[in-house]
């Protein structure tokens, strides 16, 4: 089964073994009271509809809905029927996805919502209960990057007026800030790997996960960079104006930014979507929907 969520609020299930036959669909704007996200700071009201992805957990499709009755909701994978709504109620974030995590052995889901980090329980009979919340508000309501999780620790980051990256520790009694650094990722979701944190915004950056101190930085990837980690400890970086590069991780290059190769001007515009690697093929997309594939 394939599950999709459109910017117009259509949550749909498709049978990939039957030529993509539609199994069920529902429109969340029609089903729930979902107000437009409020004005933040100096920005006017801005809303792009839904721009995040659903997440599968056991028999549920989890969605950051942002309704007056629940920020996060779970729907049956088989039928699309509502299973539960989170106790937290409020607007959804921008584009960041939902992330599974464990808090003291309890399955949870984390989201960077309109107001900040929200961690919600997923265990039977208590699903939807709030574990922790941490305020993180940006101008234009642009909490864009997906949180990065390692055990019960979470990284959140944004640009604009809240230009920082923050490491939080979540427990059943709440949330505690471990460190915050004045370097940020506006679009790229951070990667935690072997005690290091990587992301691309303006430059490719590597931080120490324990302390938050910068290990190295380099390159030039503009405002809309993204990166992924490969199985052989390298980073594929996709940046502004179509710059595509292969970069060593700190495991292979512990002291400095090392670029193995790069292609410039794959396209001539911003590249908001993250790069994707699958089956030996690399897929890159620009803001206008043009898709480029490299093998």
C-alpha atoms as a PDB file:
ATOM      1  CA  UNK A   1       0.000   0.000   0.000  1.00  0.00           C
ATOM      2  CA  UNK A   2       1.060   3.559  -0.747  1.00  0.00           C
ATOM      3  CA  UNK A   3      -0.244   6.459   1.344  1.00  0.00           C
ATOM      4  CA  UNK A   4      -0.197  10.063   0.116  1.00  0.00           C
ATOM      5  CA  UNK A   5      -1.245  13.413   1.554  1.00  0.00           C
ATOM      6  CA  UNK A   6      -1.830  16.323  -0.829  1.00  0.00           C
ATOM      7  CA  UNK A   7      -1.522  20.052  -0.213  1.00  0.00           C
ATOM      8  CA  UNK A   8      -5.319  20.222  -0.593  1.00  0.00           C
ATOM      9  CA  UNK A   9      -5.841  17.900   2.375  1.00  0.00           C
ATOM     10  CA  UNK A  10      -6.542  14.616   0.568  1.00  0.00           C
ATOM     11  CA  UNK A  11      -5.255  11.625   2.550  1.00  0.00           C
ATOM     12  CA  UNK A  12      -5.331   8.622   0.205  1.00  0.00           C
ATOM     13  CA  UNK A  13      -4.408   4.926   0.117  1.00  0.00           C
ATOM     14  CA  UNK A  14      -3.389   3.170  -3.113  1.00  0.00           C
ATOM     15  CA  UNK A  15      -2.879  -0.528  -3.853  1.00  0.00           C
ATOM     16  CA  UNK A  16       0.522  -0.749  -5.541  1.00  0.00           C
ATOM     17  CA  UNK A  17      -0.066  -4.420  -6.444  1.00  0.00           C
ATOM     18  CA  UNK A  18      -3.202  -3.542  -8.403  1.00  0.00           C
ATOM     19  CA  UNK A  19      -2.003  -0.821 -10.789  1.00  0.00           C
ATOM     20  CA  UNK A  20      -2.361   1.884  -8.149  1.00  0.00           C
ATOM     21  CA  UNK A  21      -6.047   1.301  -7.527  1.00  0.00           C
ATOM     22  CA  UNK A  22      -7.509   3.745  -5.026  1.00  0.00           C
ATOM     23  CA  UNK A  23      -8.518   1.969  -1.793  1.00  0.00           C
ATOM     24  CA  UNK A  24      -9.818   4.888   0.251  1.00  0.00           C
ATOM     25  CA  UNK A  25      -9.541   8.639   0.553  1.00  0.00           C
ATOM     26  CA  UNK A  26     -10.700  11.394   2.845  1.00  0.00           C
ATOM     27  CA  UNK A  27     -10.279  15.142   2.822  1.00  0.00           C
ATOM     28  CA  UNK A  28      -9.090  16.473   6.164  1.00  0.00           C
ATOM     29  CA  UNK A  29     -10.261  20.014   5.457  1.00  0.00           C
ATOM     30  CA  UNK A  30     -13.770  18.624   5.005  1.00  0.00           C
ATOM     31  CA  UNK A  31     -13.581  16.308   8.018  1.00  0.00           C
ATOM     32  CA  UNK A  32     -12.156  18.668  10.641  1.00  0.00           C
ATOM     33  CA  UNK A  33     -12.087  22.316  11.651  1.00  0.00           C
ATOM     34  CA  UNK A  34      -8.641  23.425  10.500  1.00  0.00           C
ATOM     35  CA  UNK A  35      -8.075  27.184  10.710  1.00  0.00           C
ATOM     36  CA  UNK A  36      -5.461  28.984   8.674  1.00  0.00           C
ATOM     37  CA  UNK A  37      -2.230  29.272  10.582  1.00  0.00           C
ATOM     38  CA  UNK A  38      -2.073  32.594  12.452  1.00  0.00           C
ATOM     39  CA  UNK A  39       0.127  35.576  11.693  1.00  0.00           C
ATOM     40  CA  UNK A  40       3.596  35.372  13.254  1.00  0.00           C
ATOM     41  CA  UNK A  41       5.933  38.291  13.935  1.00  0.00           C
ATOM     42  CA  UNK A  42       6.362  40.648  11.002  1.00  0.00           C
ATOM     43  CA  UNK A  43       4.851  38.216   8.520  1.00  0.00           C
ATOM     44  CA  UNK A  44       1.378  38.284   7.091  1.00  0.00           C
ATOM     45  CA  UNK A  45      -0.848  35.230   6.950  1.00  0.00           C
ATOM     46  CA  UNK A  46       0.886  32.643   4.819  1.00  0.00           C
ATOM     47  CA  UNK A  47      -0.255  29.114   4.208  1.00  0.00           C
ATOM     48  CA  UNK A  48       0.727  26.607   1.552  1.00  0.00           C
ATOM     49  CA  UNK A  49      -1.822  23.978   2.475  1.00  0.00           C
ATOM     50  CA  UNK A  50      -0.349  20.675   3.612  1.00  0.00           C
ATOM     51  CA  UNK A  51       3.282  20.163   2.638  1.00  0.00           C
ATOM     52  CA  UNK A  52       4.321  17.347   4.960  1.00  0.00           C
ATOM     53  CA  UNK A  53       4.131  13.553   4.642  1.00  0.00           C
ATOM     54  CA  UNK A  54       2.126  10.914   6.542  1.00  0.00           C
ATOM     55  CA  UNK A  55       3.976   8.372   8.691  1.00  0.00           C
ATOM     56  CA  UNK A  56       3.077   4.690   9.056  1.00  0.00           C
ATOM     57  CA  UNK A  57       3.148   3.166  12.534  1.00  0.00           C
ATOM     58  CA  UNK A  58       1.720  -0.339  12.962  1.00  0.00           C
ATOM     59  CA  UNK A  59      -1.953  -0.166  11.873  1.00  0.00           C
ATOM     60  CA  UNK A  60      -2.078   3.625  11.782  1.00  0.00           C
ATOM     61  CA  UNK A  61      -1.359   6.397   9.319  1.00  0.00           C
ATOM     62  CA  UNK A  62      -0.107   9.312  11.423  1.00  0.00           C
ATOM     63  CA  UNK A  63      -0.692  12.845  10.142  1.00  0.00           C
ATOM     64  CA  UNK A  64       0.103  16.301  11.500  1.00  0.00           C
ATOM     65  CA  UNK A  65      -3.334  17.806  10.888  1.00  0.00           C
ATOM     66  CA  UNK A  66      -3.297  20.962  13.006  1.00  0.00           C
ATOM     67  CA  UNK A  67      -7.008  20.897  13.780  1.00  0.00           C
ATOM     68  CA  UNK A  68      -8.892  22.476  16.653  1.00  0.00           C
ATOM     69  CA  UNK A  69      -9.540  18.950  17.959  1.00  0.00           C
ATOM     70  CA  UNK A  70      -5.976  17.660  17.661  1.00  0.00           C
ATOM     71  CA  UNK A  71      -2.602  18.582  16.208  1.00  0.00           C
ATOM     72  CA  UNK A  72      -1.659  14.975  15.360  1.00  0.00           C
ATOM     73  CA  UNK A  73      -4.171  12.339  14.288  1.00  0.00           C
ATOM     74  CA  UNK A  74      -4.029   8.618  13.548  1.00  0.00           C
ATOM     75  CA  UNK A  75      -6.135   6.919  10.884  1.00  0.00           C
ATOM     76  CA  UNK A  76      -6.684   3.241  10.116  1.00  0.00           C
ATOM     77  CA  UNK A  77      -4.373   2.028   7.354  1.00  0.00           C
ATOM     78  CA  UNK A  78      -7.110  -0.284   6.101  1.00  0.00           C
ATOM     79  CA  UNK A  79     -10.112   2.055   6.062  1.00  0.00           C
ATOM     80  CA  UNK A  80      -8.992   5.627   6.700  1.00  0.00           C
ATOM     81  CA  UNK A  81     -11.234   5.887   9.755  1.00  0.00           C
ATOM     82  CA  UNK A  82     -10.070   8.136  12.575  1.00  0.00           C
ATOM     83  CA  UNK A  83      -8.367   6.141  15.361  1.00  0.00           C
ATOM     84  CA  UNK A  84      -7.385   8.949  17.742  1.00  0.00           C
ATOM     85  CA  UNK A  85      -6.534  12.637  18.031  1.00  0.00           C
ATOM     86  CA  UNK A  86      -3.725  14.096  20.115  1.00  0.00           C
ATOM     87  CA  UNK A  87      -4.459  15.872  23.367  1.00  0.00           C
ATOM     88  CA  UNK A  88      -2.371  18.770  22.030  1.00  0.00           C
ATOM     89  CA  UNK A  89      -4.476  21.073  19.886  1.00  0.00           C
ATOM     90  CA  UNK A  90      -3.045  23.697  17.605  1.00  0.00           C
ATOM     91  CA  UNK A  91      -1.746  24.569  14.160  1.00  0.00           C
ATOM     92  CA  UNK A  92       0.582  22.306  12.223  1.00  0.00           C
ATOM     93  CA  UNK A  93       4.122  23.264  11.337  1.00  0.00           C
ATOM     94  CA  UNK A  94       5.396  24.004   7.855  1.00  0.00           C
ATOM     95  CA  UNK A  95       6.962  21.037   6.042  1.00  0.00           C
ATOM     96  CA  UNK A  96       8.767  19.014   8.691  1.00  0.00           C
ATOM     97  CA  UNK A  97       7.789  15.358   8.950  1.00  0.00           C
ATOM     98  CA  UNK A  98       6.767  13.217  11.897  1.00  0.00           C
ATOM     99  CA  UNK A  99       9.541  11.145  13.517  1.00  0.00           C
ATOM    100  CA  UNK A 100       9.273   8.035  15.694  1.00  0.00           C
ATOM    101  CA  UNK A 101      11.213   7.942  18.961  1.00  0.00           C
ATOM    102  CA  UNK A 102      11.374   6.088  22.279  1.00  0.00           C
ATOM    103  CA  UNK A 103      10.994   7.856  25.624  1.00  0.00           C
ATOM    104  CA  UNK A 104      11.860   5.616  28.575  1.00  0.00           C
ATOM    105  CA  UNK A 105      10.841   2.582  26.522  1.00  0.00           C
ATOM    106  CA  UNK A 106       7.524   4.072  25.393  1.00  0.00           C
ATOM    107  CA  UNK A 107       6.902   4.533  21.654  1.00  0.00           C
ATOM    108  CA  UNK A 108       6.284   8.168  20.764  1.00  0.00           C
ATOM    109  CA  UNK A 109       6.094  10.469  17.763  1.00  0.00           C
ATOM    110  CA  UNK A 110       7.777  13.877  17.524  1.00  0.00           C
ATOM    111  CA  UNK A 111       6.773  16.838  15.362  1.00  0.00           C
ATOM    112  CA  UNK A 112       7.972  20.417  14.962  1.00  0.00           C
ATOM    113  CA  UNK A 113       4.594  22.133  14.931  1.00  0.00           C
ATOM    114  CA  UNK A 114       3.617  25.764  14.482  1.00  0.00           C
ATOM    115  CA  UNK A 115       4.423  26.414  18.166  1.00  0.00           C
ATOM    116  CA  UNK A 116       7.441  24.132  18.632  1.00  0.00           C
ATOM    117  CA  UNK A 117       8.386  20.555  19.424  1.00  0.00           C
ATOM    118  CA  UNK A 118       5.523  18.212  20.333  1.00  0.00           C
ATOM    119  CA  UNK A 119       6.138  14.644  21.540  1.00  0.00           C
ATOM    120  CA  UNK A 120       3.062  12.397  21.738  1.00  0.00           C
ATOM    121  CA  UNK A 121       2.619   8.850  23.055  1.00  0.00           C
ATOM    122  CA  UNK A 122       1.808   5.926  20.742  1.00  0.00           C
ATOM    123  CA  UNK A 123       1.353   3.112  23.272  1.00  0.00           C
ATOM    124  CA  UNK A 124      -2.031   1.322  23.536  1.00  0.00           C
ATOM    125  CA  UNK A 125      -4.712   3.032  25.649  1.00  0.00           C
ATOM    126  CA  UNK A 126      -2.577   6.187  25.994  1.00  0.00           C
ATOM    127  CA  UNK A 127      -1.987   7.103  22.354  1.00  0.00           C
ATOM    128  CA  UNK A 128      -2.312  10.828  21.782  1.00  0.00           C
ATOM    129  CA  UNK A 129      -1.271  11.878  25.281  1.00  0.00           C
ATOM    130  CA  UNK A 130       1.347  14.634  25.391  1.00  0.00           C
ATOM    131  CA  UNK A 131       4.790  13.685  26.707  1.00  0.00           C
ATOM    132  CA  UNK A 132       6.535  17.014  26.170  1.00  0.00           C
ATOM    133  CA  UNK A 133       6.290  20.387  24.442  1.00  0.00           C
ATOM    134  CA  UNK A 134       9.047  22.935  23.802  1.00  0.00           C
ATOM    135  CA  UNK A 135       8.252  26.361  22.355  1.00  0.00           C
ATOM    136  CA  UNK A 136      10.002  27.240  19.085  1.00  0.00           C
ATOM    137  CA  UNK A 137       8.326  29.956  17.002  1.00  0.00           C
ATOM    138  CA  UNK A 138       9.643  31.587  13.819  1.00  0.00           C
ATOM    139  CA  UNK A 139       8.527  34.468  11.633  1.00  0.00           C
ATOM    140  CA  UNK A 140       6.371  33.363   8.688  1.00  0.00           C
ATOM    141  CA  UNK A 141       5.456  30.237  10.713  1.00  0.00           C
ATOM    142  CA  UNK A 142       8.441  28.605   9.015  1.00  0.00           C
ATOM    143  CA  UNK A 143       9.361  25.633  11.179  1.00  0.00           C
ATOM    144  CA  UNK A 144      10.538  23.752   8.099  1.00  0.00           C
ATOM    145  CA  UNK A 145      13.163  21.125   8.977  1.00  0.00           C
ATOM    146  CA  UNK A 146      12.134  17.713  10.323  1.00  0.00           C
ATOM    147  CA  UNK A 147      13.397  17.016  13.869  1.00  0.00           C
ATOM    148  CA  UNK A 148      16.368  14.633  14.085  1.00  0.00           C
ATOM    149  CA  UNK A 149      16.144  11.963  16.794  1.00  0.00           C
ATOM    150  CA  UNK A 150      18.698   9.823  18.632  1.00  0.00           C
ATOM    151  CA  UNK A 151      17.113   7.707  21.376  1.00  0.00           C
ATOM    152  CA  UNK A 152      15.373  10.253  23.640  1.00  0.00           C
ATOM    153  CA  UNK A 153      17.307  13.254  22.325  1.00  0.00           C
ATOM    154  CA  UNK A 154      15.974  15.574  19.625  1.00  0.00           C
ATOM    155  CA  UNK A 155      17.477  18.278  17.423  1.00  0.00           C
ATOM    156  CA  UNK A 156      15.272  21.125  16.191  1.00  0.00           C
ATOM    157  CA  UNK A 157      16.385  24.019  14.011  1.00  0.00           C
ATOM    158  CA  UNK A 158      15.086  26.949  11.965  1.00  0.00           C
ATOM    159  CA  UNK A 159      16.157  30.164  10.275  1.00  0.00           C
ATOM    160  CA  UNK A 160      14.563  33.606  10.225  1.00  0.00           C
ATOM    161  CA  UNK A 161      14.245  35.264  13.658  1.00  0.00           C
ATOM    162  CA  UNK A 162      15.097  31.993  15.479  1.00  0.00           C
ATOM    163  CA  UNK A 163      18.370  31.262  13.713  1.00  0.00           C
ATOM    164  CA  UNK A 164      19.693  28.363  15.796  1.00  0.00           C
ATOM    165  CA  UNK A 165      19.928  24.622  16.318  1.00  0.00           C
ATOM    166  CA  UNK A 166      18.890  23.192  19.674  1.00  0.00           C
ATOM    167  CA  UNK A 167      19.438  19.800  21.325  1.00  0.00           C
ATOM    168  CA  UNK A 168      16.708  18.634  23.710  1.00  0.00           C
ATOM    169  CA  UNK A 169      16.394  15.630  26.006  1.00  0.00           C
ATOM    170  CA  UNK A 170      12.880  14.247  26.447  1.00  0.00           C
ATOM    171  CA  UNK A 171      11.663  12.230  29.432  1.00  0.00           C
ATOM    172  CA  UNK A 172       8.231  11.315  30.766  1.00  0.00           C
ATOM    173  CA  UNK A 173       8.542  14.266  33.126  1.00  0.00           C
ATOM    174  CA  UNK A 174       9.175  16.807  30.373  1.00  0.00           C
ATOM    175  CA  UNK A 175      11.923  18.244  28.205  1.00  0.00           C
ATOM    176  CA  UNK A 176      15.347  19.713  29.006  1.00  0.00           C
ATOM    177  CA  UNK A 177      17.578  21.846  26.776  1.00  0.00           C
ATOM    178  CA  UNK A 178      21.111  20.435  26.529  1.00  0.00           C
ATOM    179  CA  UNK A 179      22.593  23.058  24.230  1.00  0.00           C
ATOM    180  CA  UNK A 180      21.730  25.675  21.616  1.00  0.00           C
ATOM    181  CA  UNK A 181      24.099  27.041  18.965  1.00  0.00           C
ATOM    182  CA  UNK A 182      23.712  30.122  16.714  1.00  0.00           C
ATOM    183  CA  UNK A 183      24.071  28.115  13.502  1.00  0.00           C
ATOM    184  CA  UNK A 184      20.961  26.911  11.755  1.00  0.00           C
ATOM    185  CA  UNK A 185      19.264  25.013   8.986  1.00  0.00           C
ATOM    186  CA  UNK A 186      16.389  26.789   7.289  1.00  0.00           C
ATOM    187  CA  UNK A 187      15.311  23.938   4.987  1.00  0.00           C
ATOM    188  CA  UNK A 188      17.592  20.900   5.345  1.00  0.00           C
ATOM    189  CA  UNK A 189      16.629  18.314   7.967  1.00  0.00           C
ATOM    190  CA  UNK A 190      19.698  17.513  10.127  1.00  0.00           C
ATOM    191  CA  UNK A 191      21.321  14.070  10.109  1.00  0.00           C
ATOM    192  CA  UNK A 192      22.730  12.496  13.293  1.00  0.00           C
ATOM    193  CA  UNK A 193      25.418   9.908  12.518  1.00  0.00           C
ATOM    194  CA  UNK A 194      28.310   8.490  14.582  1.00  0.00           C
ATOM    195  CA  UNK A 195      28.243  11.325  17.093  1.00  0.00           C
ATOM    196  CA  UNK A 196      28.125  14.035  14.438  1.00  0.00           C
ATOM    197  CA  UNK A 197      25.382  16.277  13.062  1.00  0.00           C
ATOM    198  CA  UNK A 198      25.268  17.233   9.366  1.00  0.00           C
ATOM    199  CA  UNK A 199      23.164  19.639   7.339  1.00  0.00           C
ATOM    200  CA  UNK A 200      23.439  21.969   4.346  1.00  0.00           C
ATOM    201  CA  UNK A 201      22.323  25.562   4.574  1.00  0.00           C
ATOM    202  CA  UNK A 202      24.528  28.163   2.890  1.00  0.00           C
ATOM    203  CA  UNK A 203      27.433  25.829   3.719  1.00  0.00           C
ATOM    204  CA  UNK A 204      27.743  22.130   4.536  1.00  0.00           C
ATOM    205  CA  UNK A 205      28.148  21.883   8.308  1.00  0.00           C
ATOM    206  CA  UNK A 206      29.366  19.242  10.740  1.00  0.00           C
ATOM    207  CA  UNK A 207      28.812  19.613  14.497  1.00  0.00           C
ATOM    208  CA  UNK A 208      29.678  17.440  17.466  1.00  0.00           C
ATOM    209  CA  UNK A 209      26.378  15.962  18.681  1.00  0.00           C
ATOM    210  CA  UNK A 210      27.472  15.845  22.322  1.00  0.00           C
ATOM    211  CA  UNK A 211      28.661  19.435  22.682  1.00  0.00           C
ATOM    212  CA  UNK A 212      27.220  21.290  19.697  1.00  0.00           C
ATOM    213  CA  UNK A 213      30.652  22.614  18.719  1.00  0.00           C
ATOM    214  CA  UNK A 214      31.466  23.056  15.029  1.00  0.00           C
ATOM    215  CA  UNK A 215      33.906  20.468  13.639  1.00  0.00           C
ATOM    216  CA  UNK A 216      34.088  21.765  10.078  1.00  0.00           C
ATOM    217  CA  UNK A 217      32.107  23.641   7.441  1.00  0.00           C
ATOM    218  CA  UNK A 218      32.566  24.363   3.766  1.00  0.00           C
ATOM    219  CA  UNK A 219      31.124  24.553   0.288  1.00  0.00           C
ATOM    220  CA  UNK A 220      28.471  26.914  -1.022  1.00  0.00           C
ATOM    221  CA  UNK A 221      24.943  25.541  -1.310  1.00  0.00           C
ATOM    222  CA  UNK A 222      22.723  28.576  -0.937  1.00  0.00           C
ATOM    223  CA  UNK A 223      19.492  28.976   0.953  1.00  0.00           C
ATOM    224  CA  UNK A 224      17.778  25.757  -0.085  1.00  0.00           C
ATOM    225  CA  UNK A 225      20.345  23.043   0.500  1.00  0.00           C
ATOM    226  CA  UNK A 226      19.622  19.463   1.548  1.00  0.00           C
ATOM    227  CA  UNK A 227      21.730  16.366   2.124  1.00  0.00           C
ATOM    228  CA  UNK A 228      21.461  12.616   2.620  1.00  0.00           C
ATOM    229  CA  UNK A 229      23.847  10.041   4.070  1.00  0.00           C
ATOM    230  CA  UNK A 230      24.972   7.089   1.946  1.00  0.00           C
ATOM    231  CA  UNK A 231      25.794   3.578   3.158  1.00  0.00           C
ATOM    232  CA  UNK A 232      29.530   4.143   2.569  1.00  0.00           C
ATOM    233  CA  UNK A 233      29.769   7.202   4.861  1.00  0.00           C
ATOM    234  CA  UNK A 234      29.435   9.955   2.308  1.00  0.00           C
ATOM    235  CA  UNK A 235      27.018  12.844   1.949  1.00  0.00           C
ATOM    236  CA  UNK A 236      25.104  13.715  -1.198  1.00  0.00           C
ATOM    237  CA  UNK A 237      24.374  17.450  -1.094  1.00  0.00           C
ATOM    238  CA  UNK A 238      21.824  19.249  -3.292  1.00  0.00           C
ATOM    239  CA  UNK A 239      22.004  23.030  -3.209  1.00  0.00           C
ATOM    240  CA  UNK A 240      20.763  26.295  -4.622  1.00  0.00           C
ATOM    241  CA  UNK A 241      20.932  26.871  -8.372  1.00  0.00           C
ATOM    242  CA  UNK A 242      21.362  23.149  -8.930  1.00  0.00           C
ATOM    243  CA  UNK A 243      24.689  22.408  -7.250  1.00  0.00           C
ATOM    244  CA  UNK A 244      25.090  18.662  -6.643  1.00  0.00           C
ATOM    245  CA  UNK A 245      28.086  17.440  -4.627  1.00  0.00           C
ATOM    246  CA  UNK A 246      29.527  14.341  -2.975  1.00  0.00           C
ATOM    247  CA  UNK A 247      31.154  15.137   0.381  1.00  0.00           C
ATOM    248  CA  UNK A 248      33.069  13.045   2.914  1.00  0.00           C
ATOM    249  CA  UNK A 249      31.648  12.617   6.425  1.00  0.00           C
ATOM    250  CA  UNK A 250      33.770  13.382   9.482  1.00  0.00           C
ATOM    251  CA  UNK A 251      34.568   9.668   9.728  1.00  0.00           C
ATOM    252  CA  UNK A 252      36.508   9.912   6.471  1.00  0.00           C
ATOM    253  CA  UNK A 253      37.560  13.556   6.841  1.00  0.00           C
ATOM    254  CA  UNK A 254      37.583  14.430  10.553  1.00  0.00           C
ATOM    255  CA  UNK A 255      39.263  17.851  10.393  1.00  0.00           C
ATOM    256  CA  UNK A 256      38.011  19.632   7.296  1.00  0.00           C
ATOM    257  CA  UNK A 257      35.298  19.819   4.653  1.00  0.00           C
ATOM    258  CA  UNK A 258      36.287  17.575   1.769  1.00  0.00           C
ATOM    259  CA  UNK A 259      34.375  17.616  -1.506  1.00  0.00           C
ATOM    260  CA  UNK A 260      34.954  14.633  -3.813  1.00  0.00           C
ATOM    261  CA  UNK A 261      33.194  16.077  -6.828  1.00  0.00           C
ATOM    262  CA  UNK A 262      30.451  18.513  -7.761  1.00  0.00           C
ATOM    263  CA  UNK A 263      28.187  19.408 -10.667  1.00  0.00           C
ATOM    264  CA  UNK A 264      27.044  23.016 -10.991  1.00  0.00           C
ATOM    265  CA  UNK A 265      23.917  24.398 -12.642  1.00  0.00           C
ATOM    266  CA  UNK A 266      21.905  21.207 -12.904  1.00  0.00           C
ATOM    267  CA  UNK A 267      19.063  23.740 -12.884  1.00  0.00           C
ATOM    268  CA  UNK A 268      18.908  27.523 -12.510  1.00  0.00           C
ATOM    269  CA  UNK A 269      16.445  27.955  -9.658  1.00  0.00           C
ATOM    270  CA  UNK A 270      15.885  27.158  -5.990  1.00  0.00           C
ATOM    271  CA  UNK A 271      15.773  23.493  -4.994  1.00  0.00           C
ATOM    272  CA  UNK A 272      13.537  23.213  -1.925  1.00  0.00           C
ATOM    273  CA  UNK A 273      12.799  19.434  -2.122  1.00  0.00           C
ATOM    274  CA  UNK A 274      15.322  17.101  -0.488  1.00  0.00           C
ATOM    275  CA  UNK A 275      17.469  14.911  -2.719  1.00  0.00           C
ATOM    276  CA  UNK A 276      16.506  11.190  -2.860  1.00  0.00           C
ATOM    277  CA  UNK A 277      18.724   8.118  -3.437  1.00  0.00           C
ATOM    278  CA  UNK A 278      17.089   4.800  -4.357  1.00  0.00           C
ATOM    279  CA  UNK A 279      18.287   1.716  -6.218  1.00  0.00           C
ATOM    280  CA  UNK A 280      21.491   3.376  -7.363  1.00  0.00           C
ATOM    281  CA  UNK A 281      19.626   6.338  -8.819  1.00  0.00           C
ATOM    282  CA  UNK A 282      19.752   9.886  -7.495  1.00  0.00           C
ATOM    283  CA  UNK A 283      16.639  12.039  -7.873  1.00  0.00           C
ATOM    284  CA  UNK A 284      16.829  15.838  -7.623  1.00  0.00           C
ATOM    285  CA  UNK A 285      13.931  18.259  -7.945  1.00  0.00           C
ATOM    286  CA  UNK A 286      13.670  22.035  -8.222  1.00  0.00           C
ATOM    287  CA  UNK A 287      10.952  24.349  -6.934  1.00  0.00           C
ATOM    288  CA  UNK A 288       9.060  24.226 -10.245  1.00  0.00           C
ATOM    289  CA  UNK A 289       8.718  20.444 -10.160  1.00  0.00           C
ATOM    290  CA  UNK A 290      11.423  19.618 -12.711  1.00  0.00           C
ATOM    291  CA  UNK A 291      12.899  16.218 -11.824  1.00  0.00           C
ATOM    292  CA  UNK A 292      16.483  15.196 -12.625  1.00  0.00           C
ATOM    293  CA  UNK A 293      17.803  11.637 -12.325  1.00  0.00           C
ATOM    294  CA  UNK A 294      21.459  10.580 -12.110  1.00  0.00           C
ATOM    295  CA  UNK A 295      22.780   7.022 -12.126  1.00  0.00           C
END
